[in-house]
Amino acid sequence: MRIGIFSDVHANLEALEVVINALRGKRCDYFVCLGDVVGYGAQPNECCDLIREVANATILGNHDAAVCGRMDYSYYRAPARQALDWHSRILSKENLAWLRGLPYTHSIEDVGFSHGSPAHTEDFEYIFATDQVRELSVRLKDFKAVQFIGHSHLCKCFSYDATSAHEVLHTRFRCDPERYYVITAGSVGQPRDYDSRACFGTYDTETRQFEYGRMAYDVESAARKIFEADLAVAFGKRLFLGV
C-alpha cells in the first residue's frame, strides 16, 4: 500500500489542492491528514470540505481541538487566538462536528499516525531532537514501528531502538525493519523550514520506502486572502519565506 501523508494545512486551500493533486499523481492508495486543518489561514471551511472528501483518515491537531471546543487555547498568542476565534465563527456546523469527532491516533499494520509525539497524544508535544526520541526507546512495545507526526511544521526524521537514537538526514530512505522511526511530515499550508513550498510525504508499506515531496503553489493568492480577512498580516507574510 502506498500512503499519502500530509499535515498542518492551516486553512491554506491553494497549497492543499496542489498537494492532493501531487499525491494522486503518485498513485497513493490511502490518504492520511495528520491534523491542524484549521488555524492561521483564510479558508477553513474549504479545507475541511476537501479533506473530508479525500482523506481516508484525519487526526486531531491542536488547532482543530481548540477551534471546536476540545481544548483551552487562552494561553496561545493573541494573533493565533484571534484566528481561531474567527474560524470558530465561520466554520459550518458540519465541519465543527467533524472536527469534534476526530481521533488522536490512527494506525495501519505497523504504521502509526498522530499529530504530536506518540508518547502523549492528547498533549500535542513536539519532537525536535534525538533526546526526545530517546524517551520513546524505553517504551518500544507501546509504539508502531513507523510513526508519522506533524505539529512542528518541519521535516524531521529519527530512527531509534532500545539503545540508540539518531536523526535521519535524507529526504528519501528505506526504514530498517530492525529499528523504529518517528517521521515528521512537514507542513502543507505553513512550512517553517525556510522553504515556502508545500510539503508532504509518501510511504510504501511493502518496500518500507519513505519520501518527502515539495510543491510550489500560488503563495501570493493564499497570502492575499489572509490580508483581506480578519487575520494577522504576519500569517500571510510568512508564507513567502517558509518560516
Protein backbone atom coordinates (compact mmCIF):
# COMPACT_ATOMS: atom_id res chain seq x y z
CA MET A 1 0.00 0.00 0.00
CA ARG A 2 1.23 3.48 -0.87
CA ILE A 3 0.17 6.02 1.76
CA GLY A 4 -0.02 9.75 1.09
CA ILE A 5 0.68 11.70 4.27
CA PHE A 6 0.16 15.41 4.84
CA SER A 7 -0.19 17.69 7.85
CA ASP A 8 -0.69 21.22 9.12
CA VAL A 9 -2.79 22.54 6.27
CA HIS A 10 -3.85 25.57 8.32
CA ALA A 11 -6.68 26.66 6.07
CA ASN A 12 -4.42 27.16 3.05
CA LEU A 13 -6.55 25.88 0.18
CA GLU A 14 -4.09 26.77 -2.59
CA ALA A 15 -1.37 24.63 -1.00
CA LEU A 16 -3.76 21.79 -0.14
CA GLU A 17 -5.10 21.44 -3.68
CA VAL A 18 -1.58 21.22 -5.11
CA VAL A 19 -0.58 18.55 -2.56
CA ILE A 20 -3.68 16.45 -3.15
CA ASN A 21 -3.07 16.53 -6.90
CA ALA A 22 0.57 15.55 -6.36
CA LEU A 23 -0.39 12.59 -4.16
CA ARG A 24 -2.94 11.45 -6.71
CA GLY A 25 -0.21 11.62 -9.33
CA LYS A 26 1.91 9.33 -7.18
CA ARG A 27 -0.96 6.81 -7.17
CA CYS A 28 -1.41 6.71 -3.43
CA ASP A 29 -3.90 4.11 -2.22
CA TYR A 30 -4.61 5.74 1.13
CA PHE A 31 -4.58 9.37 2.30
CA VAL A 32 -3.87 10.45 5.90
CA CYS A 33 -4.06 14.00 7.23
CA LEU A 34 -2.12 14.43 10.48
CA GLY A 35 -4.14 17.35 11.78
CA ASP A 36 -4.29 21.12 12.07
CA VAL A 37 -6.66 21.53 9.17
CA VAL A 38 -7.58 24.96 10.56
CA GLY A 39 -5.80 27.90 12.18
CA TYR A 40 -3.84 30.84 10.66
CA GLY A 41 -5.24 30.71 7.11
CA ALA A 42 -8.25 32.18 5.35
CA GLN A 43 -10.20 29.15 4.07
CA PRO A 44 -11.00 26.75 6.91
CA ASN A 45 -14.32 25.53 5.50
CA GLU A 46 -12.93 24.85 2.05
CA CYS A 47 -10.00 22.88 3.50
CA CYS A 48 -12.26 20.87 5.81
CA ASP A 49 -14.56 20.07 2.91
CA LEU A 50 -11.73 18.87 0.67
CA ILE A 51 -10.05 16.77 3.36
CA ARG A 52 -13.36 15.20 4.36
CA GLU A 53 -13.78 14.21 0.71
CA VAL A 54 -10.25 12.92 0.08
CA ALA A 55 -8.66 11.64 3.29
CA ASN A 56 -9.23 8.08 4.46
CA ALA A 57 -8.19 9.14 7.96
CA THR A 58 -7.70 12.52 9.63
CA ILE A 59 -6.04 13.02 13.02
CA LEU A 60 -6.98 15.73 15.50
CA GLY A 61 -4.49 18.60 15.67
CA ASN A 62 -4.19 21.16 18.45
CA HIS A 63 -5.73 23.96 16.35
CA ASP A 64 -8.57 21.64 15.37
CA ALA A 65 -9.13 20.79 19.03
CA ALA A 66 -9.07 24.45 20.01
CA VAL A 67 -11.49 25.69 17.38
CA CYS A 68 -14.14 23.06 18.15
CA GLY A 69 -14.01 23.37 21.94
CA ARG A 70 -11.93 20.30 22.79
CA MET A 71 -9.09 22.23 24.45
CA ASP A 72 -8.35 25.56 26.09
CA TYR A 73 -6.35 27.95 23.93
CA SER A 74 -6.39 31.03 26.17
CA TYR A 75 -2.61 30.78 26.55
CA TYR A 76 -2.00 31.00 22.76
CA ARG A 77 -0.50 34.21 21.42
CA ALA A 78 -3.10 36.86 20.58
CA PRO A 79 -2.94 36.57 16.75
CA ALA A 80 -3.37 32.78 16.91
CA ARG A 81 -6.31 33.15 19.30
CA GLN A 82 -7.87 35.72 17.01
CA ALA A 83 -7.59 33.35 14.05
CA LEU A 84 -9.16 30.50 16.00
CA ASP A 85 -11.97 32.75 17.22
CA TRP A 86 -12.67 33.81 13.63
CA HIS A 87 -12.56 30.23 12.37
CA SER A 88 -14.96 29.06 15.08
CA ARG A 89 -17.44 31.71 13.94
CA ILE A 90 -17.31 30.91 10.24
CA LEU A 91 -16.94 27.12 10.25
CA SER A 92 -20.08 25.27 9.23
CA LYS A 93 -21.93 23.13 11.76
CA GLU A 94 -20.97 20.06 9.74
CA ASN A 95 -17.27 20.89 9.80
CA LEU A 96 -17.28 21.71 13.51
CA ALA A 97 -19.00 18.39 14.21
CA TRP A 98 -16.42 16.60 12.08
CA LEU A 99 -13.54 18.23 13.97
CA ARG A 100 -15.12 17.30 17.31
CA GLY A 101 -15.15 13.66 16.24
CA LEU A 102 -11.55 13.35 15.03
CA PRO A 103 -9.33 10.79 16.82
CA TYR A 104 -5.96 11.44 18.45
CA THR A 105 -4.38 8.43 16.73
CA HIS A 106 -4.78 6.07 13.81
CA SER A 107 -2.83 3.04 12.61
CA ILE A 108 -2.44 0.70 9.65
CA GLU A 109 -0.50 -2.51 10.28
CA ASP A 110 2.84 -1.39 11.80
CA VAL A 111 2.37 2.28 10.87
CA GLY A 112 1.03 4.82 13.37
CA PHE A 113 -0.24 8.36 12.98
CA SER A 114 -0.63 11.19 15.50
CA HIS A 115 -0.35 14.96 15.44
CA GLY A 116 2.37 15.24 18.09
CA SER A 117 4.54 12.80 19.98
CA PRO A 118 3.01 9.31 20.20
CA ALA A 119 4.04 9.19 23.86
CA HIS A 120 1.41 11.74 24.91
CA THR A 121 -1.00 12.17 22.02
CA GLU A 122 -3.53 14.33 23.86
CA ASP A 123 -0.85 16.81 25.00
CA PHE A 124 0.38 17.62 21.46
CA GLU A 125 4.06 17.51 22.38
CA TYR A 126 6.67 18.41 19.77
CA ILE A 127 9.55 16.21 18.70
CA PHE A 128 12.54 18.27 17.60
CA ALA A 129 15.62 16.40 18.82
CA THR A 130 17.12 12.97 19.47
CA ASP A 131 16.86 13.44 23.25
CA GLN A 132 13.08 13.48 22.90
CA VAL A 133 13.19 10.35 20.75
CA ARG A 134 15.32 8.53 23.32
CA GLU A 135 12.41 8.89 25.74
CA LEU A 136 10.42 6.62 23.40
CA SER A 137 13.03 3.87 23.43
CA VAL A 138 12.07 2.71 26.93
CA ARG A 139 8.52 2.03 25.71
CA LEU A 140 9.14 0.34 22.37
CA LYS A 141 6.18 -2.01 22.69
CA ASP A 142 3.82 0.95 23.05
CA PHE A 143 4.59 2.33 19.59
CA LYS A 144 4.30 1.33 15.97
CA ALA A 145 7.48 0.59 14.05
CA VAL A 146 6.96 3.66 11.87
CA GLN A 147 5.21 6.65 13.41
CA PHE A 148 4.19 9.70 11.39
CA ILE A 149 3.60 13.01 13.16
CA GLY A 150 3.05 16.67 12.32
CA HIS A 151 2.84 19.72 14.60
CA SER A 152 6.34 21.19 14.22
CA HIS A 153 5.95 22.13 10.53
CA LEU A 154 9.46 20.74 9.99
CA CYS A 155 10.92 17.83 8.01
CA LYS A 156 12.48 15.83 10.84
CA CYS A 157 13.08 12.07 10.83
CA PHE A 158 14.52 9.95 13.64
CA SER A 159 15.46 6.29 13.91
CA TYR A 160 15.72 4.54 17.26
CA ASP A 161 15.81 1.26 19.13
CA ALA A 162 16.19 0.28 22.78
CA THR A 163 19.75 1.59 22.99
CA SER A 164 20.21 4.39 20.45
CA ALA A 165 18.57 7.20 18.52
CA HIS A 166 19.76 9.33 15.62
CA GLU A 167 18.39 11.79 13.08
CA VAL A 168 17.92 10.57 9.51
CA LEU A 169 19.25 13.29 7.21
CA HIS A 170 17.69 12.16 3.95
CA THR A 171 14.57 13.16 2.03
CA ARG A 172 14.19 9.61 0.69
CA PHE A 173 15.10 6.46 2.61
CA ARG A 174 14.10 2.91 3.48
CA CYS A 175 13.05 2.15 7.04
CA ASP A 176 15.16 -0.61 8.56
CA PRO A 177 12.79 -3.36 9.84
CA GLU A 178 15.06 -3.78 12.88
CA ARG A 179 14.55 -0.19 14.04
CA TYR A 180 11.74 2.22 14.93
CA TYR A 181 11.07 5.56 13.24
CA VAL A 182 9.41 8.89 14.01
CA ILE A 183 8.87 10.89 10.83
CA THR A 184 7.55 14.45 10.84
CA ALA A 185 5.60 15.15 7.66
CA GLY A 186 6.31 18.89 7.40
CA SER A 187 3.52 21.33 6.62
CA VAL A 188 1.21 21.79 3.67
CA GLY A 189 0.00 25.28 4.41
CA GLN A 190 2.63 26.90 6.59
CA PRO A 191 6.15 25.40 6.23
CA ARG A 192 8.71 26.59 8.76
CA ASP A 193 11.93 25.17 7.34
CA TYR A 194 12.75 28.20 5.13
CA ASP A 195 11.21 26.51 2.10
CA SER A 196 7.92 28.11 1.08
CA ARG A 197 6.79 25.10 -0.97
CA ALA A 198 4.02 22.88 0.39
CA CYS A 199 5.36 19.69 1.98
CA PHE A 200 4.01 16.13 2.14
CA GLY A 201 5.25 12.55 2.25
CA THR A 202 4.63 9.12 0.78
CA TYR A 203 5.27 5.75 2.40
CA ASP A 204 5.14 2.30 0.82
CA THR A 205 4.22 -0.36 3.37
CA GLU A 206 5.72 -3.16 1.24
CA THR A 207 9.12 -1.64 0.44
CA ARG A 208 9.18 0.48 3.64
CA GLN A 209 10.33 3.40 1.48
CA PHE A 210 9.57 6.95 2.62
CA GLU A 211 9.98 10.09 0.54
CA TYR A 212 9.29 13.78 1.08
CA GLY A 213 7.66 15.81 -1.65
CA ARG A 214 7.64 19.59 -2.12
CA MET A 215 5.34 21.51 -4.43
CA ALA A 216 5.24 25.17 -5.37
CA TYR A 217 1.81 26.77 -5.15
CA ASP A 218 0.20 30.20 -5.53
CA VAL A 219 1.57 31.75 -2.34
CA GLU A 220 0.52 35.23 -3.39
CA SER A 221 -3.14 34.21 -3.68
CA ALA A 222 -3.14 32.43 -0.31
CA ALA A 223 -1.46 35.40 1.37
CA ARG A 224 -3.82 37.92 -0.22
CA LYS A 225 -6.82 36.08 1.21
CA ILE A 226 -5.25 36.33 4.67
CA PHE A 227 -4.60 40.05 4.21
CA GLU A 228 -8.25 40.55 3.25
CA ALA A 229 -9.64 38.51 6.16
CA ASP A 230 -9.85 39.22 9.88
CA LEU A 231 -6.40 37.68 10.43
CA ALA A 232 -2.92 38.84 11.40
CA VAL A 233 -0.95 40.14 8.40
CA ALA A 234 2.10 38.18 9.60
CA PHE A 235 0.34 34.90 8.81
CA GLY A 236 0.31 35.88 5.15
CA LYS A 237 3.82 37.36 5.02
CA ARG A 238 5.45 34.27 6.49
CA LEU A 239 4.12 32.12 3.63
CA PHE A 240 6.57 33.80 1.26
CA LEU A 241 9.54 32.95 3.48
CA GLY A 242 8.63 29.49 4.76
CA VAL A 243 9.06 30.45 8.41
